[in-house]
């Protein structure tokens, strides 16, 4: 990473916040750094708003960096029972906002175990959208996570 990317990563790691970057300034490298850090069964980090192409990109980058515990992709193809087990297994989860809302409302997702939520493309979030609802619900049930 370049020095300014490292500074952004370290500042974002130390404090929850919003990172806004123009295209081409390395947001993918910063997100990859976070994913490398959180690909660990001792934490549970949810990543929302990634396309399947972006998911594949980040998985390839993690493989290139020697990460073996890769993010799990949670879609409607994954049964509710399996999703519960996957959440309890920890690590990074690429999850659709629709599935995440359902799992939070039905309490399949153990809120107290969630280390944080990474929202990509946050500039597209409106107050009435699912991602805003997810973040409000998360903050109500877990004040410690990012």
Protein backbone atom coordinates (compact mmCIF):
# COMPACT_ATOMS: atom_id res chain seq x y z
CA UNK A 1 0.00 0.00 0.00
CA UNK A 2 1.04 3.56 -0.56
CA UNK A 3 1.73 5.77 2.47
CA UNK A 4 -1.54 7.69 2.22
CA UNK A 5 -3.50 4.41 1.86
CA UNK A 6 -1.77 3.05 4.94
CA UNK A 7 -2.64 6.25 6.84
CA UNK A 8 -6.30 5.90 5.82
CA UNK A 9 -6.30 2.24 6.83
CA UNK A 10 -4.77 2.91 10.24
CA UNK A 11 -7.05 5.85 10.97
CA UNK A 12 -10.12 3.86 9.91
CA UNK A 13 -8.99 0.89 11.98
CA UNK A 14 -8.60 3.01 15.12
CA UNK A 15 -11.99 4.73 14.80
CA UNK A 16 -15.27 3.75 13.20
CA UNK A 17 -15.99 6.07 10.37
CA UNK A 18 -16.67 6.76 6.77
CA UNK A 19 -13.98 6.70 4.11
CA UNK A 20 -14.72 8.63 0.93
CA UNK A 21 -12.29 8.32 -1.95
CA UNK A 22 -12.36 9.29 -5.59
CA UNK A 23 -12.11 6.47 -8.13
CA UNK A 24 -8.56 5.26 -8.67
CA UNK A 25 -7.21 6.25 -5.26
CA UNK A 26 -6.91 2.73 -3.87
CA UNK A 27 -10.08 1.99 -1.94
CA UNK A 28 -9.82 -1.64 -3.11
CA UNK A 29 -6.40 -2.01 -1.46
CA UNK A 30 -7.75 -0.53 1.77
CA UNK A 31 -10.76 -2.87 1.78
CA UNK A 32 -8.46 -5.81 1.01
CA UNK A 33 -6.31 -4.84 4.01
CA UNK A 34 -9.38 -4.88 6.26
CA UNK A 35 -10.46 -8.23 4.87
CA UNK A 36 -6.98 -9.69 5.47
CA UNK A 37 -7.13 -8.47 9.04
CA UNK A 38 -10.59 -9.88 9.74
CA UNK A 39 -10.34 -13.25 7.95
CA UNK A 40 -10.09 -14.88 11.34
CA UNK A 41 -12.58 -17.21 13.06
CA UNK A 42 -12.26 -15.14 16.25
CA UNK A 43 -14.15 -12.23 14.69
CA UNK A 44 -17.32 -11.84 12.64
CA UNK A 45 -17.30 -9.09 10.03
CA UNK A 46 -20.13 -8.59 7.57
CA UNK A 47 -19.54 -6.96 4.18
CA UNK A 48 -22.59 -5.66 2.31
CA UNK A 49 -23.12 -4.11 -1.12
CA UNK A 50 -20.59 -6.10 -3.13
CA UNK A 51 -21.43 -7.43 -6.56
CA UNK A 52 -20.44 -11.01 -7.35
CA UNK A 53 -17.61 -9.64 -9.52
CA UNK A 54 -16.31 -7.59 -6.57
CA UNK A 55 -16.61 -10.61 -4.26
CA UNK A 56 -14.54 -12.66 -6.70
CA UNK A 57 -11.96 -9.85 -6.93
CA UNK A 58 -11.49 -9.66 -3.16
CA UNK A 59 -11.28 -13.44 -2.80
CA UNK A 60 -8.61 -13.54 -5.52
CA UNK A 61 -6.68 -10.75 -3.78
CA UNK A 62 -6.84 -12.59 -0.46
CA UNK A 63 -5.63 -15.80 -2.09
CA UNK A 64 -2.79 -13.85 -3.71
CA UNK A 65 -1.85 -12.60 -0.22
CA UNK A 66 -1.78 -16.11 1.24
CA UNK A 67 -5.03 -15.91 3.20
CA UNK A 68 -6.53 -19.37 3.66
CA UNK A 69 -9.68 -18.58 5.65
CA UNK A 70 -11.56 -16.84 2.86
CA UNK A 71 -14.80 -14.86 3.15
CA UNK A 72 -17.98 -16.87 2.93
CA UNK A 73 -20.64 -15.75 0.46
CA UNK A 74 -24.14 -15.78 1.93
CA UNK A 75 -27.03 -15.58 -0.52
CA UNK A 76 -30.57 -16.91 -0.60
CA UNK A 77 -29.10 -20.22 -1.83
CA UNK A 78 -27.75 -20.84 1.68
CA UNK A 79 -30.33 -22.36 4.03
CA UNK A 80 -31.20 -20.63 7.29
CA UNK A 81 -29.71 -23.47 9.35
CA UNK A 82 -26.42 -23.29 7.44
CA UNK A 83 -26.34 -19.49 7.75
CA UNK A 84 -26.60 -19.74 11.53
CA UNK A 85 -23.66 -22.17 11.59
CA UNK A 86 -21.63 -19.99 9.23
CA UNK A 87 -22.17 -16.91 11.41
CA UNK A 88 -21.03 -18.83 14.49
CA UNK A 89 -17.90 -19.95 12.63
CA UNK A 90 -16.68 -16.34 12.41
CA UNK A 91 -14.55 -14.68 9.79
CA UNK A 92 -15.66 -12.40 6.98
CA UNK A 93 -19.07 -12.83 5.37
CA UNK A 94 -20.14 -11.33 2.06
CA UNK A 95 -23.88 -11.07 2.59
CA UNK A 96 -26.75 -9.48 0.71
CA UNK A 97 -28.63 -6.76 2.55
CA UNK A 98 -31.93 -8.61 2.11
CA UNK A 99 -30.59 -11.77 3.80
CA UNK A 100 -28.94 -9.70 6.52
CA UNK A 101 -32.19 -7.89 7.36
CA UNK A 102 -34.05 -11.19 7.66
CA UNK A 103 -31.33 -12.79 9.76
CA UNK A 104 -31.15 -9.78 12.07
CA UNK A 105 -34.92 -9.58 12.54
CA UNK A 106 -35.23 -13.31 13.22
CA UNK A 107 -32.12 -13.20 15.42
CA UNK A 108 -30.33 -15.89 13.41
CA UNK A 109 -27.40 -13.52 13.42
CA UNK A 110 -25.84 -13.31 16.90
CA UNK A 111 -25.55 -9.51 17.17
CA UNK A 112 -23.24 -9.70 20.16
CA UNK A 113 -20.67 -11.66 18.14
CA UNK A 114 -20.51 -9.19 15.25
CA UNK A 115 -17.22 -7.31 15.29
CA UNK A 116 -18.32 -4.91 12.58
CA UNK A 117 -20.01 -4.19 9.29
CA UNK A 118 -18.23 -2.90 6.21
CA UNK A 119 -20.55 -1.13 3.79
CA UNK A 120 -19.12 -0.57 0.34
CA UNK A 121 -20.56 2.17 -1.83
CA UNK A 122 -22.03 3.89 1.23
CA UNK A 123 -22.60 7.02 -0.84
CA UNK A 124 -25.62 5.27 -2.37
CA UNK A 125 -27.34 4.64 0.95
CA UNK A 126 -30.50 6.58 1.66
CA UNK A 127 -32.20 6.87 5.04
CA UNK A 128 -35.01 4.55 3.95
CA UNK A 129 -32.91 1.77 2.40
CA UNK A 130 -32.10 -1.67 3.79
CA UNK A 131 -28.47 -0.85 4.55
CA UNK A 132 -29.46 2.12 6.72
CA UNK A 133 -31.94 -0.11 8.53
CA UNK A 134 -29.24 -2.76 9.05
CA UNK A 135 -26.84 -0.22 10.52
CA UNK A 136 -29.47 1.27 12.85
CA UNK A 137 -30.53 -2.17 14.08
CA UNK A 138 -26.91 -3.23 14.52
CA UNK A 139 -26.07 -0.12 16.53
CA UNK A 140 -29.12 -0.64 18.78
CA UNK A 141 -28.06 -4.19 19.63
CA UNK A 142 -24.27 -3.85 19.53
CA UNK A 143 -22.59 -0.62 20.63
CA UNK A 144 -19.10 -2.12 20.60
CA UNK A 145 -18.85 -3.07 16.92
CA UNK A 146 -17.73 -0.85 14.09
